[in-house]
Amino acid sequence: MEERNNRERIEWSYEHIKNLMEAMKITAEQAMSILKIPDADRTILSKRF
């Protein structure tokens, strides 16, 4: 159950980061900073961009 929640959180974060990047023309790192994504999640998400 916890693993599923983690996957869902990462997927949610990825979509929001992507939307913010497109709307504001910023980098993934900038979007993650604005959204205050935790460092552990940033490592996982950075691999997707």
C-alpha atoms as a PDB file:
ATOM      1  CA  MET A   1       0.000   0.000   0.000  1.00  0.00           C
ATOM      2  CA  GLU A   2       2.804   2.416   0.888  1.00  0.00           C
ATOM      3  CA  GLU A   3       4.630   1.685  -2.370  1.00  0.00           C
ATOM      4  CA  ARG A   4       1.465   2.448  -4.329  1.00  0.00           C
ATOM      5  CA  ASN A   5       1.043   5.743  -2.471  1.00  0.00           C
ATOM      6  CA  ASN A   6       4.645   6.663  -3.258  1.00  0.00           C
ATOM      7  CA  ARG A   7       4.153   5.928  -6.964  1.00  0.00           C
ATOM      8  CA  GLU A   8       0.969   7.989  -7.020  1.00  0.00           C
ATOM      9  CA  ARG A   9       2.695  10.901  -5.252  1.00  0.00           C
ATOM     10  CA  ILE A  10       5.587  10.817  -7.714  1.00  0.00           C
ATOM     11  CA  GLU A  11       3.204  10.672 -10.687  1.00  0.00           C
ATOM     12  CA  TRP A  12       1.144  13.573  -9.294  1.00  0.00           C
ATOM     13  CA  SER A  13       4.298  15.602  -8.728  1.00  0.00           C
ATOM     14  CA  TYR A  14       5.603  14.830 -12.222  1.00  0.00           C
ATOM     15  CA  GLU A  15       2.396  16.079 -13.851  1.00  0.00           C
ATOM     16  CA  HIS A  16       2.357  19.269 -11.792  1.00  0.00           C
ATOM     17  CA  ILE A  17       6.024  19.981 -12.457  1.00  0.00           C
ATOM     18  CA  LYS A  18       5.529  19.418 -16.175  1.00  0.00           C
ATOM     19  CA  ASN A  19       2.490  21.738 -16.244  1.00  0.00           C
ATOM     20  CA  LEU A  20       4.345  24.446 -14.338  1.00  0.00           C
ATOM     21  CA  MET A  21       7.343  24.162 -16.667  1.00  0.00           C
ATOM     22  CA  GLU A  22       5.140  24.570 -19.736  1.00  0.00           C
ATOM     23  CA  ALA A  23       3.054  27.431 -18.331  1.00  0.00           C
ATOM     24  CA  MET A  24       5.924  29.466 -16.907  1.00  0.00           C
ATOM     25  CA  LYS A  25       8.732  28.413 -19.272  1.00  0.00           C
ATOM     26  CA  ILE A  26      10.997  27.327 -16.410  1.00  0.00           C
ATOM     27  CA  THR A  27      13.289  24.366 -15.776  1.00  0.00           C
ATOM     28  CA  ALA A  28      12.331  21.223 -13.878  1.00  0.00           C
ATOM     29  CA  GLU A  29      14.619  22.267 -11.015  1.00  0.00           C
ATOM     30  CA  GLN A  30      12.920  25.654 -10.768  1.00  0.00           C
ATOM     31  CA  ALA A  31       9.483  24.036 -10.806  1.00  0.00           C
ATOM     32  CA  MET A  32      10.480  21.565  -8.082  1.00  0.00           C
ATOM     33  CA  SER A  33      11.772  24.429  -5.941  1.00  0.00           C
ATOM     34  CA  ILE A  34       8.530  26.370  -6.361  1.00  0.00           C
ATOM     35  CA  LEU A  35       6.496  23.282  -5.446  1.00  0.00           C
ATOM     36  CA  LYS A  36       8.865  22.466  -2.544  1.00  0.00           C
ATOM     37  CA  ILE A  37       9.409  18.894  -3.694  1.00  0.00           C
ATOM     38  CA  PRO A  38      11.450  16.920  -1.096  1.00  0.00           C
ATOM     39  CA  ASP A  39      15.032  16.014  -2.045  1.00  0.00           C
ATOM     40  CA  ALA A  40      14.278  12.273  -2.085  1.00  0.00           C
ATOM     41  CA  ASP A  41      11.509  12.816  -4.625  1.00  0.00           C
ATOM     42  CA  ARG A  42      13.660  15.217  -6.673  1.00  0.00           C
ATOM     43  CA  THR A  43      16.171  12.450  -7.258  1.00  0.00           C
ATOM     44  CA  ILE A  44      13.479  10.185  -8.682  1.00  0.00           C
ATOM     45  CA  LEU A  45      11.767  12.932 -10.670  1.00  0.00           C
ATOM     46  CA  SER A  46      14.989  14.335 -12.145  1.00  0.00           C
ATOM     47  CA  LYS A  47      15.513  11.060 -13.982  1.00  0.00           C
ATOM     48  CA  ARG A  48      12.186  11.558 -15.784  1.00  0.00           C
ATOM     49  CA  PHE A  49      13.098  14.945 -17.263  1.00  0.00           C
END
